[in-house]
N, C-alpha and C. Protein backbone atom coordinates (compact mmCIF):
# COMPACT_ATOMS: atom_id res chain seq x y z
N MET A 1 121.22 109.55 116.96
CA MET A 1 121.17 108.86 115.54
C MET A 1 121.65 107.12 115.96
N SER A 2 120.54 106.50 115.68
CA SER A 2 120.60 104.99 115.67
C SER A 2 121.46 104.01 115.15
N ASN A 3 121.79 103.40 115.43
CA ASN A 3 122.67 102.36 115.31
C ASN A 3 122.12 101.06 114.66
N THR A 4 120.65 101.01 114.63
CA THR A 4 119.96 99.96 114.25
C THR A 4 120.05 99.80 112.46
N VAL A 5 120.45 98.41 112.18
CA VAL A 5 120.23 98.18 110.60
C VAL A 5 118.62 97.89 110.52
N THR A 6 118.28 98.20 109.37
CA THR A 6 117.21 97.90 108.83
C THR A 6 117.31 97.46 107.78
N ILE A 7 116.65 95.77 107.46
CA ILE A 7 116.58 95.13 106.43
C ILE A 7 115.16 94.92 106.22
N PHE A 8 114.82 95.11 105.07
CA PHE A 8 113.57 94.67 104.37
C PHE A 8 113.80 93.66 103.66
N THR A 9 112.44 92.76 103.68
CA THR A 9 112.38 91.68 102.94
C THR A 9 110.96 91.79 101.67
N ILE A 10 110.99 91.23 100.55
CA ILE A 10 110.06 91.12 99.72
C ILE A 10 109.89 89.90 98.93
N GLY A 11 108.83 89.74 98.53
CA GLY A 11 108.80 88.66 97.07
C GLY A 11 107.68 88.96 96.29
N PHE A 12 107.91 88.78 95.05
CA PHE A 12 107.04 89.34 93.90
C PHE A 12 105.90 88.25 93.56
N THR A 13 105.80 87.05 93.95
CA THR A 13 104.60 86.21 93.44
C THR A 13 103.53 86.77 93.79
N GLY A 14 102.52 86.78 93.09
CA GLY A 14 100.94 87.37 93.39
C GLY A 14 101.13 88.86 93.68
N SER A 15 101.97 89.40 93.03
CA SER A 15 101.95 90.90 93.39
C SER A 15 102.34 91.77 92.01
N SER A 16 101.22 92.94 92.07
CA SER A 16 101.27 93.51 90.71
C SER A 16 102.67 94.31 90.84
N ALA A 17 103.19 94.53 89.98
CA ALA A 17 104.18 95.67 89.56
C ALA A 17 103.80 97.16 90.39
N GLU A 18 102.81 97.54 90.54
CA GLU A 18 102.88 98.74 91.00
C GLU A 18 102.27 98.57 92.50
N HIS A 19 101.82 97.49 93.05
CA HIS A 19 102.05 97.23 94.65
C HIS A 19 103.81 96.93 94.95
N PHE A 20 104.48 96.21 94.00
CA PHE A 20 105.93 95.86 94.24
C PHE A 20 106.80 96.78 94.34
N PHE A 21 106.70 98.06 93.60
CA PHE A 21 107.47 98.71 93.43
C PHE A 21 106.69 100.04 94.23
N GLY A 22 105.81 100.03 94.50
CA GLY A 22 104.95 101.18 95.41
C GLY A 22 105.86 100.94 97.17
N CYS A 23 105.77 99.46 97.51
CA CYS A 23 105.99 98.98 98.72
C CYS A 23 107.80 99.37 99.00
N LEU A 24 108.50 99.22 97.66
CA LEU A 24 110.00 99.31 98.08
C LEU A 24 109.92 101.09 97.99
N LYS A 25 109.53 101.88 97.46
CA LYS A 25 109.34 103.23 97.47
C LYS A 25 109.00 103.85 98.80
N SER A 26 107.78 103.52 98.89
CA SER A 26 107.31 104.05 100.25
C SER A 26 107.93 103.45 101.84
N ALA A 27 108.71 102.19 101.44
CA ALA A 27 109.68 101.76 102.64
C ALA A 27 110.83 102.84 102.65
N GLY A 28 111.23 103.37 101.42
CA GLY A 28 112.80 103.90 101.35
C GLY A 28 113.77 103.02 101.41
N VAL A 29 113.45 102.19 100.52
CA VAL A 29 114.66 101.18 100.07
C VAL A 29 115.65 101.65 99.20
N LYS A 30 116.69 101.57 99.71
CA LYS A 30 118.09 102.10 98.84
C LYS A 30 118.63 101.06 97.88
N LYS A 31 118.68 99.90 97.99
CA LYS A 31 118.79 98.73 97.05
C LYS A 31 118.24 97.78 97.23
N VAL A 32 118.07 96.95 96.01
CA VAL A 32 117.25 95.43 96.26
C VAL A 32 118.53 94.41 96.12
N ILE A 33 118.61 93.45 97.03
CA ILE A 33 119.38 92.43 96.77
C ILE A 33 118.60 91.06 96.26
N ASP A 34 119.17 91.09 95.20
CA ASP A 34 118.30 89.55 94.49
C ASP A 34 119.08 88.36 95.37
N THR A 35 118.35 87.51 95.95
CA THR A 35 118.71 86.77 96.54
C THR A 35 118.13 85.11 95.96
N ARG A 36 118.00 85.22 94.83
CA ARG A 36 117.03 84.38 93.82
C ARG A 36 118.08 83.25 93.59
N LEU A 37 117.88 81.95 93.36
CA LEU A 37 118.69 81.07 92.71
C LEU A 37 118.43 81.13 91.25
N TRP A 38 117.20 80.75 91.09
CA TRP A 38 116.87 81.39 89.51
C TRP A 38 116.16 82.46 89.11
N ALA A 39 116.91 83.72 88.96
CA ALA A 39 116.40 84.88 88.98
C ALA A 39 116.24 85.33 87.47
N SER A 40 116.52 84.17 86.54
CA SER A 40 115.94 84.58 84.83
C SER A 40 114.80 83.86 84.51
N SER A 41 114.04 83.41 85.24
CA SER A 41 112.79 82.29 84.90
C SER A 41 111.79 83.75 84.35
N GLN A 42 111.10 83.09 83.39
CA GLN A 42 110.07 83.46 82.25
C GLN A 42 109.08 83.86 83.43
N LEU A 43 108.96 83.00 84.19
CA LEU A 43 107.79 83.17 85.17
C LEU A 43 108.02 84.40 86.19
N ALA A 44 109.12 84.88 86.46
CA ALA A 44 109.30 85.94 86.82
C ALA A 44 108.92 87.15 86.47
N GLY A 45 108.27 87.51 85.51
CA GLY A 45 107.56 88.78 84.94
C GLY A 45 108.55 89.86 84.85
N PHE A 46 107.84 90.64 85.64
CA PHE A 46 108.49 92.38 85.72
C PHE A 46 109.76 92.21 86.29
N ALA A 47 109.97 90.86 87.41
CA ALA A 47 111.14 90.67 88.24
C ALA A 47 112.03 90.07 87.60
N LYS A 48 112.24 89.89 86.32
CA LYS A 48 113.64 88.92 85.66
C LYS A 48 114.85 89.91 86.03
N LYS A 49 115.71 89.05 86.29
CA LYS A 49 116.89 89.70 86.86
C LYS A 49 117.28 90.69 85.69
N LYS A 50 117.10 90.53 84.41
CA LYS A 50 117.86 91.21 83.12
C LYS A 50 116.77 92.68 83.26
N ASP A 51 115.62 92.72 83.59
CA ASP A 51 114.62 93.82 83.11
C ASP A 51 114.93 94.59 84.99
N LEU A 52 114.85 93.82 85.85
CA LEU A 52 114.35 94.56 87.27
C LEU A 52 115.57 95.62 87.52
N PRO A 53 116.72 95.42 87.47
CA PRO A 53 117.27 96.96 87.49
C PRO A 53 117.17 97.98 86.94
N TYR A 54 116.41 97.96 85.49
CA TYR A 54 115.89 99.10 84.87
C TYR A 54 114.81 99.65 85.90
N PHE A 55 113.91 98.76 86.05
CA PHE A 55 112.71 99.12 86.77
C PHE A 55 112.58 99.72 87.91
N LEU A 56 113.64 99.33 88.93
CA LEU A 56 113.61 99.87 90.31
C LEU A 56 114.64 101.43 89.99
N LYS A 57 115.42 101.66 88.97
CA LYS A 57 116.09 103.00 89.39
C LYS A 57 114.62 103.60 88.36
N GLU A 58 114.53 103.51 87.53
CA GLU A 58 113.20 104.24 86.80
C GLU A 58 112.22 104.76 87.89
N ILE A 59 111.87 103.66 88.28
CA ILE A 59 110.68 103.77 89.25
C ILE A 59 110.83 104.38 90.74
N GLY A 60 111.92 103.61 90.85
CA GLY A 60 112.27 104.14 92.62
C GLY A 60 113.33 104.96 92.69
N ASN A 61 114.48 105.00 91.74
CA ASN A 61 115.79 105.52 91.79
C ASN A 61 116.43 104.44 93.26
N ILE A 62 116.15 103.22 92.77
CA ILE A 62 116.77 102.20 94.04
C ILE A 62 117.94 101.03 92.79
N ASP A 63 118.83 100.91 93.46
CA ASP A 63 120.00 100.28 92.94
C ASP A 63 119.40 98.49 92.96
N TYR A 64 120.62 97.93 92.61
CA TYR A 64 120.04 96.44 92.43
C TYR A 64 121.11 95.79 92.46
N GLU A 65 121.48 94.45 93.24
CA GLU A 65 122.46 93.95 92.88
C GLU A 65 122.49 92.38 93.22
N TYR A 66 122.52 91.59 92.47
CA TYR A 66 122.02 90.11 92.46
C TYR A 66 123.39 89.13 93.20
N ARG A 67 122.94 88.46 94.10
CA ARG A 67 124.02 87.95 95.05
C ARG A 67 123.57 86.32 95.24
N GLU A 68 124.25 85.54 94.41
CA GLU A 68 123.72 83.94 94.04
C GLU A 68 124.34 83.59 95.37
N GLU A 69 125.01 83.84 95.98
CA GLU A 69 125.66 83.13 97.48
C GLU A 69 124.65 83.39 98.62
N LEU A 70 123.90 84.21 98.13
CA LEU A 70 122.59 84.25 99.41
C LEU A 70 121.68 83.28 99.31
N ALA A 71 121.50 82.96 98.29
CA ALA A 71 120.56 82.03 97.61
C ALA A 71 120.57 80.73 98.07
N PRO A 72 119.42 79.62 97.99
CA PRO A 72 119.87 78.38 98.51
C PRO A 72 120.51 77.46 97.29
N SER A 73 120.92 76.68 98.02
CA SER A 73 121.98 75.74 96.54
C SER A 73 120.63 75.14 95.78
N ASP A 74 121.04 74.69 94.81
CA ASP A 74 119.71 73.87 93.82
C ASP A 74 119.49 72.37 94.76
N ASP A 75 120.63 71.89 95.43
CA ASP A 75 120.39 70.44 95.76
C ASP A 75 119.39 70.74 97.18
N ILE A 76 119.38 72.01 97.60
CA ILE A 76 118.24 72.44 98.96
C ILE A 76 117.02 72.64 98.33
N LEU A 77 117.10 73.34 97.12
CA LEU A 77 115.94 74.09 96.97
C LEU A 77 114.78 73.00 96.44
N LYS A 78 115.45 72.44 94.95
CA LYS A 78 114.78 71.60 94.26
C LYS A 78 114.16 70.28 95.40
N PRO A 79 114.99 69.92 96.31
CA PRO A 79 114.04 68.76 97.06
C PRO A 79 113.00 69.30 97.51
N PHE A 80 113.11 70.65 98.08
CA PHE A 80 111.82 71.33 99.11
C PHE A 80 111.11 71.78 98.06
N LYS A 81 111.07 71.93 96.99
CA LYS A 81 110.18 72.41 95.73
C LYS A 81 109.17 71.13 95.70
N ASN A 82 109.86 70.48 95.69
CA ASN A 82 109.57 68.84 95.12
C ASN A 82 108.71 67.97 96.07
N ASN A 83 108.96 68.52 97.44
CA ASN A 83 108.12 67.97 98.57
C ASN A 83 108.81 66.90 98.82
N LYS A 84 110.11 66.95 98.84
CA LYS A 84 111.27 65.79 99.26
C LYS A 84 111.67 65.87 100.66
N ILE A 85 111.81 67.17 100.89
CA ILE A 85 111.92 67.57 102.55
C ILE A 85 111.03 68.25 103.08
N SER A 86 111.18 68.62 104.31
CA SER A 86 110.17 69.40 104.67
C SER A 86 110.64 70.85 105.11
N TRP A 87 109.75 71.42 105.87
CA TRP A 87 110.28 73.04 105.73
C TRP A 87 111.30 72.90 106.92
N ASP A 88 111.35 72.24 107.69
CA ASP A 88 112.50 72.36 108.88
C ASP A 88 113.70 71.74 108.62
N GLU A 89 113.47 70.83 107.39
CA GLU A 89 114.82 70.07 107.13
C GLU A 89 115.77 71.45 105.84
N TYR A 90 114.56 71.80 105.15
CA TYR A 90 115.13 72.76 104.16
C TYR A 90 115.68 74.00 104.92
N GLU A 91 114.97 74.60 106.29
CA GLU A 91 115.38 75.41 107.14
C GLU A 91 117.00 75.26 107.88
N ALA A 92 117.12 74.44 108.41
CA ALA A 92 118.13 73.63 108.72
C ALA A 92 119.29 73.45 107.78
N GLN A 93 118.72 73.14 106.70
CA GLN A 93 120.21 72.87 105.69
C GLN A 93 120.52 74.44 105.05
N TYR A 94 119.54 75.06 104.70
CA TYR A 94 119.87 76.45 104.36
C TYR A 94 120.79 77.51 105.51
N ILE A 95 120.46 77.41 106.73
CA ILE A 95 121.39 77.82 107.99
C ILE A 95 122.64 77.43 107.79
N ASP A 96 122.70 76.00 107.80
CA ASP A 96 123.90 75.51 107.73
C ASP A 96 124.75 75.90 106.46
N LEU A 97 124.29 75.99 105.02
CA LEU A 97 124.90 76.64 104.19
C LEU A 97 125.18 78.36 104.02
N ILE A 98 124.54 79.00 104.60
CA ILE A 98 124.98 80.36 104.89
C ILE A 98 126.06 80.21 105.96
N ASN A 99 126.04 79.66 106.98
CA ASN A 99 127.01 79.52 108.00
C ASN A 99 128.13 78.94 107.37
N HIS A 100 128.26 78.15 106.12
CA HIS A 100 129.62 77.66 105.82
C HIS A 100 129.75 78.64 104.63
N ARG A 101 129.36 79.41 104.19
CA ARG A 101 129.47 80.64 103.06
C ARG A 101 130.02 81.58 103.97
N ASN A 102 129.94 81.85 105.23
CA ASN A 102 130.40 83.00 105.87
C ASN A 102 129.59 84.51 105.64
N ILE A 103 128.08 84.41 105.67
CA ILE A 103 127.59 85.43 105.00
C ILE A 103 127.80 86.20 106.20
N SER A 104 127.99 86.22 107.79
CA SER A 104 127.59 87.13 108.56
C SER A 104 128.75 88.03 108.08
N ASN A 105 129.79 87.39 107.96
CA ASN A 105 131.27 87.84 107.47
C ASN A 105 131.47 88.48 106.25
N VAL A 106 130.66 88.09 105.30
CA VAL A 106 130.50 88.33 103.74
C VAL A 106 129.67 89.62 103.82
N LEU A 107 128.65 89.77 104.27
CA LEU A 107 127.59 91.25 104.34
C LEU A 107 127.89 91.79 105.37
N GLN A 108 128.17 93.24 105.33
CA GLN A 108 128.53 93.75 106.62
C GLN A 108 127.16 94.92 106.90
N PRO A 109 126.99 94.92 108.40
CA PRO A 109 125.78 95.72 108.66
C PRO A 109 125.32 97.17 107.86
N ASP A 110 126.62 97.86 107.50
CA ASP A 110 126.35 99.31 106.97
C ASP A 110 126.15 98.89 105.63
N GLU A 111 126.22 97.69 105.18
CA GLU A 111 125.92 97.12 103.43
C GLU A 111 124.97 96.95 103.03
N VAL A 112 123.82 96.73 104.10
CA VAL A 112 122.53 96.15 103.85
C VAL A 112 121.79 96.94 104.97
N ASP A 113 122.03 98.05 105.12
CA ASP A 113 120.94 98.90 105.97
C ASP A 113 120.11 99.74 104.95
N GLN A 114 118.84 99.50 105.21
CA GLN A 114 117.88 100.22 104.05
C GLN A 114 117.97 99.17 102.90
N VAL A 115 118.07 97.98 102.84
CA VAL A 115 118.64 97.11 101.96
C VAL A 115 117.09 96.16 101.94
N CYS A 116 116.85 95.90 100.84
CA CYS A 116 115.94 94.66 100.92
C CYS A 116 116.28 93.58 99.78
N PHE A 117 115.96 92.28 100.59
CA PHE A 117 116.38 91.35 100.17
C PHE A 117 114.88 90.51 99.35
N LEU A 118 115.14 90.31 98.24
CA LEU A 118 114.24 89.67 97.11
C LEU A 118 114.25 88.50 96.89
N CYS A 119 113.15 87.39 97.03
CA CYS A 119 113.12 86.27 96.57
C CYS A 119 111.87 86.35 95.75
N ALA A 120 111.23 85.10 95.25
CA ALA A 120 109.89 85.12 94.34
C ALA A 120 108.74 84.50 95.79
N CYS A 121 109.29 83.92 96.69
CA CYS A 121 108.43 83.77 97.78
C CYS A 121 106.88 84.46 97.71
N LYS A 122 105.67 84.52 97.85
CA LYS A 122 104.73 85.08 98.36
C LYS A 122 104.72 85.80 99.63
N THR A 123 105.24 85.01 100.43
CA THR A 123 105.03 85.64 101.95
C THR A 123 106.67 85.10 102.73
N GLU A 124 106.83 85.63 103.52
CA GLU A 124 108.37 85.28 104.13
C GLU A 124 108.19 84.43 105.18
N HIS A 125 106.87 83.49 105.33
CA HIS A 125 107.19 82.49 106.31
C HIS A 125 107.78 81.43 106.11
N HIS A 126 107.64 81.07 105.13
CA HIS A 126 108.43 79.41 104.46
C HIS A 126 109.47 80.23 102.98
N CYS A 127 110.29 80.99 103.72
CA CYS A 127 111.00 81.77 102.60
C CYS A 127 112.52 81.80 102.94
N HIS A 128 113.31 81.54 102.46
CA HIS A 128 115.03 81.63 102.57
C HIS A 128 115.19 83.07 103.36
N ARG A 129 114.70 84.07 102.46
CA ARG A 129 114.69 85.88 102.75
C ARG A 129 114.54 85.93 104.03
N ARG A 130 113.46 85.51 104.82
CA ARG A 130 113.45 85.65 106.22
C ARG A 130 114.50 84.95 107.01
N LEU A 131 114.90 83.65 106.34
CA LEU A 131 116.16 83.13 107.30
C LEU A 131 117.29 83.76 107.29
N LEU A 132 117.45 84.43 106.30
CA LEU A 132 118.93 85.33 105.97
C LEU A 132 119.07 86.27 106.90
N ALA A 133 117.69 86.83 106.77
CA ALA A 133 117.42 88.29 107.66
C ALA A 133 117.71 87.99 109.10
N GLU A 134 116.82 86.80 109.50
CA GLU A 134 117.16 86.52 110.97
C GLU A 134 118.79 85.99 111.71
N TYR A 135 119.07 85.24 110.35
CA TYR A 135 120.42 84.63 110.72
C TYR A 135 121.31 86.19 111.01
N LEU A 136 121.37 87.07 110.30
CA LEU A 136 122.10 88.36 110.35
C LEU A 136 121.99 89.11 111.69
N GLN A 137 120.65 89.05 111.94
CA GLN A 137 120.15 89.53 113.24
C GLN A 137 120.76 88.67 114.06
N SER A 138 120.79 87.58 114.03
CA SER A 138 121.45 86.90 115.43
C SER A 138 122.90 86.69 115.31
N GLU A 139 123.68 86.88 114.22
CA GLU A 139 125.04 86.80 114.40
C GLU A 139 125.89 88.41 114.61
N TRP A 140 124.97 89.31 113.87
CA TRP A 140 125.76 90.57 114.24
C TRP A 140 125.66 91.21 115.70
N ASP A 141 126.72 91.95 115.95
CA ASP A 141 126.31 92.42 117.26
C ASP A 141 125.47 93.80 117.63
N GLN A 142 125.36 94.65 116.16
CA GLN A 142 124.70 95.59 116.10
C GLN A 142 123.08 94.76 115.93
N PRO A 143 122.31 95.80 116.56
CA PRO A 143 120.51 95.60 116.51
C PRO A 143 120.26 95.92 115.15
N VAL A 144 119.47 94.79 114.52
CA VAL A 144 119.11 94.78 113.41
C VAL A 144 117.11 94.37 113.37
N GLU A 145 116.59 95.70 112.60
CA GLU A 145 115.10 95.50 112.60
C GLU A 145 114.90 94.67 111.32
N ILE A 146 114.15 93.72 111.25
CA ILE A 146 113.57 93.42 109.82
C ILE A 146 111.89 93.71 109.83
N VAL A 147 111.86 94.08 108.69
CA VAL A 147 110.77 94.48 108.00
C VAL A 147 110.43 93.79 106.65
N HIS A 148 109.08 92.77 106.97
CA HIS A 148 108.86 92.28 105.61
C HIS A 148 107.45 93.23 105.07
N LEU A 149 107.57 93.44 103.46
CA LEU A 149 106.84 94.25 102.59
C LEU A 149 105.83 93.52 102.24
């Protein structure tokens, strides 16, 4: 039996509910950890924090957990969204933040195996969910496989 931890990531922007929930189910995701700072926005549609636990459980028997400490802080996210700081600055500030929050010790490998980090971003390229997964991959002694859905 492998001791490799598999962390999935997904964003919902530009995705249909059918595609979003289908990806999670077919990947075998056990739990979605919501890493969004603004998880209750009306723009989130089917992925609003108050509705998502129901949809995940009913459609895929997938658990849901909201973890605000995994989200970027407002003072990092707003300047990035408003093009006041570059991606490189955002990345450095977010990594500093999760390091300061001691996330590699707050989360345990067995706690996130077969878990999917959720964000709004359409792709993982300029998204904190990728940075979070890669940070854990670099900090933990256990091998971590990252799969972007």
